[in-house]
Amino acid sequence: MLLKALSGLALLIVLAGAAQAQSCSFSNTGVNFGNVNLASGGFQSATGTFTADCSGTPGQTIRICPNFNAGSGGIHPSGSPRIMSQGLISLRYDMFRSNGVGQQWGSHTWGYSSRPPTMTVNLSGNGMGSASQTIFSRLYNQQGALPPGTYVSTFSGTHTQIDYGYAPGFTCGPTLSLRVQSVPFTVRATNNSSCTVTASDLDFGNHANLSAPVQSSNTITVTCTTGTQFDVGLSNGSSGAANPAQRRMSNLATQEQIVYGIYRDGQLTQHWGSTPGIDTVSSTSTGTAKTFTGYGRVPAQATPSSQTYTDNIIVVVTY
């Protein structure tokens, strides 16, 4: 009988020890914005996923505190935005607990007010459970002047401290338990060379006859990623002209045409065509809009019927 009582006592000790066991493993996909076009000037978004897989006493709840600090790129002195870097060049972004610009995903261990979301994992009858949280990220606007390349911020060591424990006894705070884990991840974005272009109409106005040359001008505006070398070319028009000085405006009703040309200079000596290095306009972007002037000339010629004459020119930016 004594041996049986001792055996029962030993069994109770083993069960009491099992009730205290808890273990979690974590993964983080990081955030990859992929190829972005900063020249567009707008906000750009991406997401990542933080996942917890836990085990312990069936029916218990484990509380998780996913602390994300500044990252290797650093952070603004005010606590937002965070920074991705390419050498000494900074790209502003941040991570949030909800979609859009909501609550910043912060940390209990840094000096700023933003905190991380508190996650819970409910352990099922087999003592297992998992939970995931979406990391919402955004690149800030008005960064079109940044050069192309890949910008990165790495989270490792004290930049990512994941703490956890049984609720309700465990609470999230600056004092970390011995269970704290560092779960590395990376935030990155690649700014590709890109360009946008707009153009105004080249309008020669109304004329009773074409016995004398007629001139006009238009503007072409190009915005490219900083440091991008580009050429601006003009097609020969919808009439299929043989060269830039022999473009033709047409009237579909009468099938008549008016010959005209477009030039790169006000002296009308440099045709504007579509062959890079020959008759296009070349430039290097500073990240801001660059405006170029097209000089149009209708040479003296026989006056066709009184109609409206048009041509369609395609602006081609090569970079």
C-alpha atoms as a PDB file:
ATOM      1  CA  MET A   1       0.000   0.000   0.000  1.00  0.00           C
ATOM      2  CA  LEU A   2       2.807   2.384   0.743  1.00  0.00           C
ATOM      3  CA  LEU A   3       4.382   1.772  -2.629  1.00  0.00           C
ATOM      4  CA  LYS A   4       1.057   2.473  -4.368  1.00  0.00           C
ATOM      5  CA  ALA A   5       0.634   5.773  -2.535  1.00  0.00           C
ATOM      6  CA  LEU A   6       4.127   6.877  -3.500  1.00  0.00           C
ATOM      7  CA  SER A   7       3.423   5.937  -7.101  1.00  0.00           C
ATOM      8  CA  GLY A   8       0.285   8.067  -7.097  1.00  0.00           C
ATOM      9  CA  LEU A   9       2.172  10.992  -5.605  1.00  0.00           C
ATOM     10  CA  ALA A  10       4.819  10.717  -8.316  1.00  0.00           C
ATOM     11  CA  LEU A  11       2.104  10.730 -10.987  1.00  0.00           C
ATOM     12  CA  LEU A  12       0.618  13.963  -9.632  1.00  0.00           C
ATOM     13  CA  ILE A  13       4.016  15.652  -9.743  1.00  0.00           C
ATOM     14  CA  VAL A  14       4.457  14.728 -13.405  1.00  0.00           C
ATOM     15  CA  LEU A  15       1.039  16.128 -14.349  1.00  0.00           C
ATOM     16  CA  ALA A  16       1.663  19.378 -12.488  1.00  0.00           C
ATOM     17  CA  GLY A  17       4.895  19.841 -14.409  1.00  0.00           C
ATOM     18  CA  ALA A  18       3.120  19.188 -17.768  1.00  0.00           C
ATOM     19  CA  ALA A  19       0.535  21.875 -17.016  1.00  0.00           C
ATOM     20  CA  GLN A  20       3.261  24.540 -17.086  1.00  0.00           C
ATOM     21  CA  ALA A  21       4.704  23.593 -20.492  1.00  0.00           C
ATOM     22  CA  GLN A  22       4.228  26.098 -23.317  1.00  0.00           C
ATOM     23  CA  SER A  23       6.101  26.517 -26.554  1.00  0.00           C
ATOM     24  CA  CYS A  24       5.686  28.713 -29.627  1.00  0.00           C
ATOM     25  CA  SER A  25       7.502  28.996 -32.944  1.00  0.00           C
ATOM     26  CA  PHE A  26       7.118  32.005 -35.240  1.00  0.00           C
ATOM     27  CA  SER A  27       7.573  32.877 -38.885  1.00  0.00           C
ATOM     28  CA  ASN A  28       7.467  36.155 -40.779  1.00  0.00           C
ATOM     29  CA  THR A  29       7.250  36.462 -44.565  1.00  0.00           C
ATOM     30  CA  GLY A  30       8.588  40.008 -44.402  1.00  0.00           C
ATOM     31  CA  VAL A  31       7.289  42.667 -46.785  1.00  0.00           C
ATOM     32  CA  ASN A  32       8.303  42.886 -50.421  1.00  0.00           C
ATOM     33  CA  PHE A  33       6.917  45.821 -52.385  1.00  0.00           C
ATOM     34  CA  GLY A  34       8.477  44.320 -55.507  1.00  0.00           C
ATOM     35  CA  ASN A  35       9.109  46.620 -58.455  1.00  0.00           C
ATOM     36  CA  VAL A  36       7.684  50.061 -57.763  1.00  0.00           C
ATOM     37  CA  ASN A  37       7.372  53.276 -59.735  1.00  0.00           C
ATOM     38  CA  LEU A  38       8.268  56.112 -57.409  1.00  0.00           C
ATOM     39  CA  ALA A  39       8.019  58.562 -60.306  1.00  0.00           C
ATOM     40  CA  SER A  40       4.238  58.171 -60.138  1.00  0.00           C
ATOM     41  CA  GLY A  41       4.368  60.184 -56.913  1.00  0.00           C
ATOM     42  CA  GLY A  42       1.612  58.259 -55.113  1.00  0.00           C
ATOM     43  CA  PHE A  43       1.344  55.927 -52.122  1.00  0.00           C
ATOM     44  CA  GLN A  44       2.154  52.257 -52.782  1.00  0.00           C
ATOM     45  CA  SER A  45       1.144  49.348 -50.552  1.00  0.00           C
ATOM     46  CA  ALA A  46       2.206  45.786 -49.777  1.00  0.00           C
ATOM     47  CA  THR A  47       1.541  43.192 -47.086  1.00  0.00           C
ATOM     48  CA  GLY A  48       3.320  40.452 -45.181  1.00  0.00           C
ATOM     49  CA  THR A  49       2.234  37.789 -42.707  1.00  0.00           C
ATOM     50  CA  PHE A  50       3.364  37.019 -39.155  1.00  0.00           C
ATOM     51  CA  THR A  51       2.409  33.520 -37.951  1.00  0.00           C
ATOM     52  CA  ALA A  52       2.542  31.826 -34.553  1.00  0.00           C
ATOM     53  CA  ASP A  53       2.314  28.068 -33.931  1.00  0.00           C
ATOM     54  CA  CYS A  54       1.990  27.105 -30.259  1.00  0.00           C
ATOM     55  CA  SER A  55       1.566  24.090 -28.012  1.00  0.00           C
ATOM     56  CA  GLY A  56       0.756  23.687 -24.322  1.00  0.00           C
ATOM     57  CA  THR A  57      -2.053  22.783 -21.961  1.00  0.00           C
ATOM     58  CA  PRO A  58      -5.324  22.059 -23.818  1.00  0.00           C
ATOM     59  CA  GLY A  59      -7.900  24.806 -23.384  1.00  0.00           C
ATOM     60  CA  GLN A  60      -5.360  27.452 -22.377  1.00  0.00           C
ATOM     61  CA  THR A  61      -4.815  30.741 -24.210  1.00  0.00           C
ATOM     62  CA  ILE A  62      -1.339  32.001 -25.091  1.00  0.00           C
ATOM     63  CA  ARG A  63      -0.828  35.741 -25.433  1.00  0.00           C
ATOM     64  CA  ILE A  64       1.777  36.883 -28.015  1.00  0.00           C
ATOM     65  CA  CYS A  65       3.547  40.249 -28.244  1.00  0.00           C
ATOM     66  CA  PRO A  66       5.218  40.706 -31.683  1.00  0.00           C
ATOM     67  CA  ASN A  67       7.523  43.683 -31.088  1.00  0.00           C
ATOM     68  CA  PHE A  68       8.909  45.259 -34.287  1.00  0.00           C
ATOM     69  CA  ASN A  69      11.450  48.015 -33.705  1.00  0.00           C
ATOM     70  CA  ALA A  70      13.113  50.400 -36.181  1.00  0.00           C
ATOM     71  CA  GLY A  71      14.907  47.948 -38.489  1.00  0.00           C
ATOM     72  CA  SER A  72      18.402  48.369 -39.913  1.00  0.00           C
ATOM     73  CA  GLY A  73      17.338  51.315 -42.059  1.00  0.00           C
ATOM     74  CA  GLY A  74      16.404  53.337 -38.993  1.00  0.00           C
ATOM     75  CA  ILE A  75      13.426  55.526 -38.223  1.00  0.00           C
ATOM     76  CA  HIS A  76      12.516  59.213 -38.157  1.00  0.00           C
ATOM     77  CA  PRO A  77      13.204  60.867 -34.758  1.00  0.00           C
ATOM     78  CA  SER A  78       9.440  61.322 -34.290  1.00  0.00           C
ATOM     79  CA  GLY A  79       8.882  57.552 -34.454  1.00  0.00           C
ATOM     80  CA  SER A  80       7.479  57.415 -37.993  1.00  0.00           C
ATOM     81  CA  PRO A  81       8.183  56.777 -40.806  1.00  0.00           C
ATOM     82  CA  ARG A  82      10.633  53.896 -40.837  1.00  0.00           C
ATOM     83  CA  ILE A  83      13.394  53.933 -43.442  1.00  0.00           C
ATOM     84  CA  MET A  84      14.628  51.531 -46.097  1.00  0.00           C
ATOM     85  CA  SER A  85      18.052  52.376 -47.432  1.00  0.00           C
ATOM     86  CA  GLN A  86      20.215  51.988 -50.501  1.00  0.00           C
ATOM     87  CA  GLY A  87      23.622  53.072 -49.266  1.00  0.00           C
ATOM     88  CA  LEU A  88      23.089  56.583 -47.920  1.00  0.00           C
ATOM     89  CA  ILE A  89      19.797  57.089 -49.772  1.00  0.00           C
ATOM     90  CA  SER A  90      16.588  56.721 -47.730  1.00  0.00           C
ATOM     91  CA  LEU A  91      13.129  55.528 -48.768  1.00  0.00           C
ATOM     92  CA  ARG A  92      10.278  56.334 -46.359  1.00  0.00           C
ATOM     93  CA  TYR A  93       7.767  53.617 -45.421  1.00  0.00           C
ATOM     94  CA  ASP A  94       6.033  52.111 -42.420  1.00  0.00           C
ATOM     95  CA  MET A  95       4.198  49.045 -41.159  1.00  0.00           C
ATOM     96  CA  PHE A  96       0.667  49.150 -39.737  1.00  0.00           C
ATOM     97  CA  ARG A  97      -1.674  46.951 -37.740  1.00  0.00           C
ATOM     98  CA  SER A  98      -4.620  47.566 -40.094  1.00  0.00           C
ATOM     99  CA  ASN A  99      -5.189  48.386 -43.734  1.00  0.00           C
ATOM    100  CA  GLY A 100      -4.385  51.945 -44.768  1.00  0.00           C
ATOM    101  CA  VAL A 101      -2.596  54.445 -42.594  1.00  0.00           C
ATOM    102  CA  GLY A 102      -3.924  53.330 -39.229  1.00  0.00           C
ATOM    103  CA  GLN A 103      -2.042  52.337 -36.089  1.00  0.00           C
ATOM    104  CA  GLN A 104       1.661  51.876 -36.627  1.00  0.00           C
ATOM    105  CA  TRP A 105       2.990  48.409 -35.796  1.00  0.00           C
ATOM    106  CA  GLY A 106       5.415  49.316 -33.030  1.00  0.00           C
ATOM    107  CA  SER A 107       7.074  47.767 -30.005  1.00  0.00           C
ATOM    108  CA  HIS A 108       6.816  47.672 -26.227  1.00  0.00           C
ATOM    109  CA  THR A 109      10.595  47.896 -26.059  1.00  0.00           C
ATOM    110  CA  TRP A 110      11.228  51.178 -27.883  1.00  0.00           C
ATOM    111  CA  GLY A 111      10.797  54.770 -26.782  1.00  0.00           C
ATOM    112  CA  TYR A 112       7.871  55.645 -29.052  1.00  0.00           C
ATOM    113  CA  SER A 113       4.165  55.385 -28.218  1.00  0.00           C
ATOM    114  CA  SER A 114       3.153  52.940 -30.961  1.00  0.00           C
ATOM    115  CA  ARG A 115       2.608  49.356 -29.828  1.00  0.00           C
ATOM    116  CA  PRO A 116       2.236  46.053 -31.679  1.00  0.00           C
ATOM    117  CA  PRO A 117      -1.043  44.162 -31.955  1.00  0.00           C
ATOM    118  CA  THR A 118      -1.639  41.658 -29.159  1.00  0.00           C
ATOM    119  CA  MET A 119      -2.259  38.214 -30.608  1.00  0.00           C
ATOM    120  CA  THR A 120      -3.856  35.227 -28.891  1.00  0.00           C
ATOM    121  CA  VAL A 121      -3.603  31.530 -29.670  1.00  0.00           C
ATOM    122  CA  ASN A 122      -6.314  29.278 -28.242  1.00  0.00           C
ATOM    123  CA  LEU A 123      -5.017  25.779 -27.636  1.00  0.00           C
ATOM    124  CA  SER A 124      -7.389  23.024 -28.759  1.00  0.00           C
ATOM    125  CA  GLY A 125      -8.031  19.656 -27.178  1.00  0.00           C
ATOM    126  CA  ASN A 126      -4.692  18.327 -28.382  1.00  0.00           C
ATOM    127  CA  GLY A 127      -2.865  21.329 -26.924  1.00  0.00           C
ATOM    128  CA  MET A 128      -2.065  22.877 -30.323  1.00  0.00           C
ATOM    129  CA  GLY A 129      -3.033  26.187 -31.913  1.00  0.00           C
ATOM    130  CA  SER A 130      -1.961  28.853 -34.392  1.00  0.00           C
ATOM    131  CA  ALA A 131      -2.743  32.421 -35.408  1.00  0.00           C
ATOM    132  CA  SER A 132      -1.666  34.850 -38.115  1.00  0.00           C
ATOM    133  CA  GLN A 133      -1.596  38.615 -38.409  1.00  0.00           C
ATOM    134  CA  THR A 134      -1.324  40.632 -41.627  1.00  0.00           C
ATOM    135  CA  ILE A 135       1.407  43.279 -41.733  1.00  0.00           C
ATOM    136  CA  PHE A 136       0.098  46.235 -43.743  1.00  0.00           C
ATOM    137  CA  SER A 137       2.865  48.374 -45.240  1.00  0.00           C
ATOM    138  CA  ARG A 138       2.963  51.562 -47.262  1.00  0.00           C
ATOM    139  CA  LEU A 139       5.556  53.569 -49.163  1.00  0.00           C
ATOM    140  CA  TYR A 140       4.971  57.267 -48.669  1.00  0.00           C
ATOM    141  CA  ASN A 141       4.290  59.570 -51.603  1.00  0.00           C
ATOM    142  CA  GLN A 142       6.409  62.381 -53.045  1.00  0.00           C
ATOM    143  CA  GLN A 143       9.572  60.302 -53.341  1.00  0.00           C
ATOM    144  CA  GLY A 144       9.856  60.473 -57.128  1.00  0.00           C
ATOM    145  CA  ALA A 145      13.293  62.094 -56.970  1.00  0.00           C
ATOM    146  CA  LEU A 146      14.916  58.938 -55.576  1.00  0.00           C
ATOM    147  CA  PRO A 147      17.250  57.020 -57.928  1.00  0.00           C
ATOM    148  CA  PRO A 148      16.518  53.480 -59.124  1.00  0.00           C
ATOM    149  CA  GLY A 149      17.750  50.475 -57.185  1.00  0.00           C
ATOM    150  CA  THR A 150      16.749  48.176 -54.316  1.00  0.00           C
ATOM    151  CA  TYR A 151      16.013  49.637 -50.888  1.00  0.00           C
ATOM    152  CA  VAL A 152      16.136  47.350 -47.828  1.00  0.00           C
ATOM    153  CA  SER A 153      15.598  47.310 -44.076  1.00  0.00           C
ATOM    154  CA  THR A 154      16.489  44.150 -42.138  1.00  0.00           C
ATOM    155  CA  PHE A 155      14.864  43.149 -38.858  1.00  0.00           C
ATOM    156  CA  SER A 156      16.982  40.864 -36.685  1.00  0.00           C
ATOM    157  CA  GLY A 157      18.261  40.736 -33.116  1.00  0.00           C
ATOM    158  CA  THR A 158      16.578  43.354 -30.966  1.00  0.00           C
ATOM    159  CA  HIS A 159      14.727  44.770 -34.003  1.00  0.00           C
ATOM    160  CA  THR A 160      12.230  41.900 -33.760  1.00  0.00           C
ATOM    161  CA  GLN A 161      11.462  40.539 -30.271  1.00  0.00           C
ATOM    162  CA  ILE A 162       8.539  38.145 -29.973  1.00  0.00           C
ATOM    163  CA  ASP A 163       7.435  37.414 -26.418  1.00  0.00           C
ATOM    164  CA  TYR A 164       4.610  35.185 -25.182  1.00  0.00           C
ATOM    165  CA  GLY A 165       3.033  33.466 -22.185  1.00  0.00           C
ATOM    166  CA  TYR A 166      -0.203  32.041 -20.797  1.00  0.00           C
ATOM    167  CA  ALA A 167      -3.026  34.556 -20.454  1.00  0.00           C
ATOM    168  CA  PRO A 168      -4.240  36.170 -18.310  1.00  0.00           C
ATOM    169  CA  GLY A 169      -1.135  36.076 -16.150  1.00  0.00           C
ATOM    170  CA  PHE A 170       1.265  37.151 -18.925  1.00  0.00           C
ATOM    171  CA  THR A 171       1.009  40.743 -20.171  1.00  0.00           C
ATOM    172  CA  CYS A 172       2.846  42.567 -22.962  1.00  0.00           C
ATOM    173  CA  GLY A 173       5.351  45.125 -21.755  1.00  0.00           C
ATOM    174  CA  PRO A 174       8.948  46.364 -21.909  1.00  0.00           C
ATOM    175  CA  THR A 175      10.190  43.653 -19.547  1.00  0.00           C
ATOM    176  CA  LEU A 176      10.694  40.529 -21.636  1.00  0.00           C
ATOM    177  CA  SER A 177      10.458  36.938 -20.471  1.00  0.00           C
ATOM    178  CA  LEU A 178      13.098  34.262 -20.984  1.00  0.00           C
ATOM    179  CA  ARG A 179      10.899  32.883 -23.782  1.00  0.00           C
ATOM    180  CA  VAL A 180      11.481  35.917 -26.067  1.00  0.00           C
ATOM    181  CA  GLN A 181      12.546  35.065 -29.618  1.00  0.00           C
ATOM    182  CA  SER A 182      14.114  37.072 -32.418  1.00  0.00           C
ATOM    183  CA  VAL A 183      12.423  36.227 -35.742  1.00  0.00           C
ATOM    184  CA  PRO A 184      14.326  37.844 -38.632  1.00  0.00           C
ATOM    185  CA  PHE A 185      12.588  39.314 -41.677  1.00  0.00           C
ATOM    186  CA  THR A 186      13.268  41.899 -44.385  1.00  0.00           C
ATOM    187  CA  VAL A 187      11.360  44.792 -45.927  1.00  0.00           C
ATOM    188  CA  ARG A 188      12.420  45.684 -49.480  1.00  0.00           C
ATOM    189  CA  ALA A 189      11.371  47.636 -52.556  1.00  0.00           C
ATOM    190  CA  THR A 190      12.975  47.996 -55.985  1.00  0.00           C
ATOM    191  CA  ASN A 191      12.567  51.345 -57.695  1.00  0.00           C
ATOM    192  CA  ASN A 192      12.773  50.704 -61.428  1.00  0.00           C
ATOM    193  CA  SER A 193      13.552  53.339 -63.995  1.00  0.00           C
ATOM    194  CA  SER A 194      10.222  54.581 -65.302  1.00  0.00           C
ATOM    195  CA  CYS A 195       8.821  57.521 -67.201  1.00  0.00           C
ATOM    196  CA  THR A 196       5.474  59.210 -67.760  1.00  0.00           C
ATOM    197  CA  VAL A 197       4.688  61.619 -70.594  1.00  0.00           C
ATOM    198  CA  THR A 198       2.011  64.148 -71.504  1.00  0.00           C
ATOM    199  CA  ALA A 199       1.718  66.390 -74.573  1.00  0.00           C
ATOM    200  CA  SER A 200      -0.377  69.334 -75.654  1.00  0.00           C
ATOM    201  CA  ASP A 201      -1.871  69.657 -79.141  1.00  0.00           C
ATOM    202  CA  LEU A 202       0.069  71.352 -81.913  1.00  0.00           C
ATOM    203  CA  ASP A 203      -2.660  73.712 -83.154  1.00  0.00           C
ATOM    204  CA  PHE A 204      -1.937  75.845 -86.235  1.00  0.00           C
ATOM    205  CA  GLY A 205      -5.248  77.698 -85.941  1.00  0.00           C
ATOM    206  CA  ASN A 206      -7.571  78.951 -88.710  1.00  0.00           C
ATOM    207  CA  HIS A 207      -6.217  80.319 -92.014  1.00  0.00           C
ATOM    208  CA  ALA A 208      -7.881  81.492 -95.225  1.00  0.00           C
ATOM    209  CA  ASN A 209      -4.951  80.414 -97.393  1.00  0.00           C
ATOM    210  CA  LEU A 210      -1.494  78.879 -97.133  1.00  0.00           C
ATOM    211  CA  SER A 211       0.390  81.195 -99.448  1.00  0.00           C
ATOM    212  CA  ALA A 212       2.756  82.014 -96.549  1.00  0.00           C
ATOM    213  CA  PRO A 213       4.276  79.665 -93.927  1.00  0.00           C
ATOM    214  CA  VAL A 214       2.370  79.117 -90.674  1.00  0.00           C
ATOM    215  CA  GLN A 215       4.090  78.319 -87.374  1.00  0.00           C
ATOM    216  CA  SER A 216       2.959  77.106 -83.970  1.00  0.00           C
ATOM    217  CA  SER A 217       4.330  75.144 -81.008  1.00  0.00           C
ATOM    218  CA  ASN A 218       3.340  72.631 -78.364  1.00  0.00           C
ATOM    219  CA  THR A 219       4.851  71.186 -75.198  1.00  0.00           C
ATOM    220  CA  ILE A 220       5.830  67.650 -74.220  1.00  0.00           C
ATOM    221  CA  THR A 221       6.370  66.929 -70.524  1.00  0.00           C
ATOM    222  CA  VAL A 222       8.348  63.903 -69.337  1.00  0.00           C
ATOM    223  CA  THR A 223       8.822  62.727 -65.743  1.00  0.00           C
ATOM    224  CA  CYS A 224      11.298  59.895 -65.124  1.00  0.00           C
ATOM    225  CA  THR A 225      13.035  58.258 -62.185  1.00  0.00           C
ATOM    226  CA  THR A 226      16.064  60.254 -61.013  1.00  0.00           C
ATOM    227  CA  GLY A 227      19.188  59.495 -63.015  1.00  0.00           C
ATOM    228  CA  THR A 228      17.299  57.913 -65.915  1.00  0.00           C
ATOM    229  CA  GLN A 229      18.697  58.746 -69.348  1.00  0.00           C
ATOM    230  CA  PHE A 230      15.934  58.997 -71.933  1.00  0.00           C
ATOM    231  CA  ASP A 231      15.141  60.012 -75.514  1.00  0.00           C
ATOM    232  CA  VAL A 232      11.903  61.621 -76.649  1.00  0.00           C
ATOM    233  CA  GLY A 233      10.888  60.747 -80.200  1.00  0.00           C
ATOM    234  CA  LEU A 234       7.882  61.624 -82.371  1.00  0.00           C
ATOM    235  CA  SER A 235       6.314  59.307 -84.911  1.00  0.00           C
ATOM    236  CA  ASN A 236       5.849  60.477 -88.515  1.00  0.00           C
ATOM    237  CA  GLY A 237       2.093  60.564 -88.071  1.00  0.00           C
ATOM    238  CA  SER A 238      -0.920  58.578 -89.206  1.00  0.00           C
ATOM    239  CA  SER A 239      -0.341  59.434 -92.877  1.00  0.00           C
ATOM    240  CA  GLY A 240       2.853  57.363 -92.964  1.00  0.00           C
ATOM    241  CA  ALA A 241       5.106  60.246 -93.958  1.00  0.00           C
ATOM    242  CA  ALA A 242       8.572  59.350 -95.180  1.00  0.00           C
ATOM    243  CA  ASN A 243      10.378  61.828 -92.930  1.00  0.00           C
ATOM    244  CA  PRO A 244       9.634  64.281 -90.066  1.00  0.00           C
ATOM    245  CA  ALA A 245       9.592  67.319 -92.374  1.00  0.00           C
ATOM    246  CA  GLN A 246       6.954  65.784 -94.659  1.00  0.00           C
ATOM    247  CA  ARG A 247       4.261  64.893 -92.174  1.00  0.00           C
ATOM    248  CA  ARG A 248       0.708  65.388 -93.442  1.00  0.00           C
ATOM    249  CA  MET A 249      -2.519  66.575 -91.890  1.00  0.00           C
ATOM    250  CA  SER A 250      -5.488  65.025 -93.667  1.00  0.00           C
ATOM    251  CA  ASN A 251      -9.186  65.547 -94.128  1.00  0.00           C
ATOM    252  CA  LEU A 252     -10.988  62.236 -94.547  1.00  0.00           C
ATOM    253  CA  ALA A 253     -13.964  63.734 -96.380  1.00  0.00           C
ATOM    254  CA  THR A 254     -11.961  65.248 -99.241  1.00  0.00           C
ATOM    255  CA  GLN A 255      -8.803  63.111 -98.998  1.00  0.00           C
ATOM    256  CA  GLU A 256      -6.787  66.344 -99.231  1.00  0.00           C
ATOM    257  CA  GLN A 257      -3.649  66.873 -97.169  1.00  0.00           C
ATOM    258  CA  ILE A 258      -1.496  69.668 -95.750  1.00  0.00           C
ATOM    259  CA  VAL A 259       2.261  69.155 -95.454  1.00  0.00           C
ATOM    260  CA  TYR A 260       3.935  70.231 -92.218  1.00  0.00           C
ATOM    261  CA  GLY A 261       6.986  69.486 -90.048  1.00  0.00           C
ATOM    262  CA  ILE A 262       7.942  69.424 -86.366  1.00  0.00           C
ATOM    263  CA  TYR A 263      11.336  70.669 -85.190  1.00  0.00           C
ATOM    264  CA  ARG A 264      13.383  70.520 -82.001  1.00  0.00           C
ATOM    265  CA  ASP A 265      14.631  74.115 -82.231  1.00  0.00           C
ATOM    266  CA  GLY A 266      13.083  77.508 -82.727  1.00  0.00           C
ATOM    267  CA  GLN A 267      15.226  78.112 -85.817  1.00  0.00           C
ATOM    268  CA  LEU A 268      13.506  75.145 -87.487  1.00  0.00           C
ATOM    269  CA  THR A 269      16.760  73.478 -88.507  1.00  0.00           C
ATOM    270  CA  GLN A 270      16.538  70.217 -86.498  1.00  0.00           C
ATOM    271  CA  HIS A 271      13.764  67.845 -87.430  1.00  0.00           C
ATOM    272  CA  TRP A 272      12.083  65.953 -84.588  1.00  0.00           C
ATOM    273  CA  GLY A 273      11.734  62.309 -85.489  1.00  0.00           C
ATOM    274  CA  SER A 274      11.930  58.918 -83.802  1.00  0.00           C
ATOM    275  CA  THR A 275      15.517  57.673 -84.224  1.00  0.00           C
ATOM    276  CA  PRO A 276      17.407  57.915 -80.871  1.00  0.00           C
ATOM    277  CA  GLY A 277      20.683  59.757 -81.177  1.00  0.00           C
ATOM    278  CA  ILE A 278      19.744  61.107 -84.622  1.00  0.00           C
ATOM    279  CA  ASP A 279      16.614  63.238 -84.468  1.00  0.00           C
ATOM    280  CA  THR A 280      15.223  62.801 -80.951  1.00  0.00           C
ATOM    281  CA  VAL A 281      15.638  64.886 -77.793  1.00  0.00           C
ATOM    282  CA  SER A 282      17.936  63.370 -75.143  1.00  0.00           C
ATOM    283  CA  SER A 283      18.066  64.199 -71.450  1.00  0.00           C
ATOM    284  CA  THR A 284      18.804  62.838 -67.963  1.00  0.00           C
ATOM    285  CA  SER A 285      16.090  63.016 -65.339  1.00  0.00           C
ATOM    286  CA  THR A 286      16.423  64.776 -62.007  1.00  0.00           C
ATOM    287  CA  GLY A 287      13.178  63.196 -60.780  1.00  0.00           C
ATOM    288  CA  THR A 288      11.057  66.231 -61.632  1.00  0.00           C
ATOM    289  CA  ALA A 289       9.033  67.027 -64.743  1.00  0.00           C
ATOM    290  CA  LYS A 290      10.983  68.202 -67.799  1.00  0.00           C
ATOM    291  CA  THR A 291       9.189  70.151 -70.507  1.00  0.00           C
ATOM    292  CA  PHE A 292      10.271  70.230 -74.141  1.00  0.00           C
ATOM    293  CA  THR A 293       8.928  72.446 -76.931  1.00  0.00           C
ATOM    294  CA  GLY A 294       7.959  71.173 -80.351  1.00  0.00           C
ATOM    295  CA  TYR A 295       8.137  73.795 -83.093  1.00  0.00           C
ATOM    296  CA  GLY A 296       5.672  73.205 -85.929  1.00  0.00           C
ATOM    297  CA  ARG A 297       5.789  74.730 -89.416  1.00  0.00           C
ATOM    298  CA  VAL A 298       3.378  74.528 -92.321  1.00  0.00           C
ATOM    299  CA  PRO A 299       5.364  75.650 -95.407  1.00  0.00           C
ATOM    300  CA  ALA A 300       3.744  77.727 -98.142  1.00  0.00           C
ATOM    301  CA  GLN A 301       1.689  75.464-100.411  1.00  0.00           C
ATOM    302  CA  ALA A 302      -1.470  75.265-102.430  1.00  0.00           C
ATOM    303  CA  THR A 303      -4.490  75.934-100.264  1.00  0.00           C
ATOM    304  CA  PRO A 304      -6.850  72.946-100.064  1.00  0.00           C
ATOM    305  CA  SER A 305     -10.594  72.982 -99.385  1.00  0.00           C
ATOM    306  CA  SER A 306     -11.890  74.790 -96.311  1.00  0.00           C
ATOM    307  CA  GLN A 307     -11.951  71.879 -93.876  1.00  0.00           C
ATOM    308  CA  THR A 308     -10.366  70.721 -90.627  1.00  0.00           C
ATOM    309  CA  TYR A 309      -7.089  68.859 -91.130  1.00  0.00           C
ATOM    310  CA  THR A 310      -5.535  66.634 -88.469  1.00  0.00           C
ATOM    311  CA  ASP A 311      -2.728  64.189 -87.857  1.00  0.00           C
ATOM    312  CA  ASN A 312      -1.999  61.852 -84.929  1.00  0.00           C
ATOM    313  CA  ILE A 313       1.533  61.862 -83.544  1.00  0.00           C
ATOM    314  CA  ILE A 314       2.754  59.263 -81.034  1.00  0.00           C
ATOM    315  CA  VAL A 315       5.296  60.455 -78.458  1.00  0.00           C
ATOM    316  CA  VAL A 316       7.819  57.672 -77.758  1.00  0.00           C
ATOM    317  CA  VAL A 317      10.027  57.899 -74.650  1.00  0.00           C
ATOM    318  CA  THR A 318      12.955  55.453 -74.757  1.00  0.00           C
ATOM    319  CA  TYR A 319      14.925  54.833 -71.549  1.00  0.00           C
END
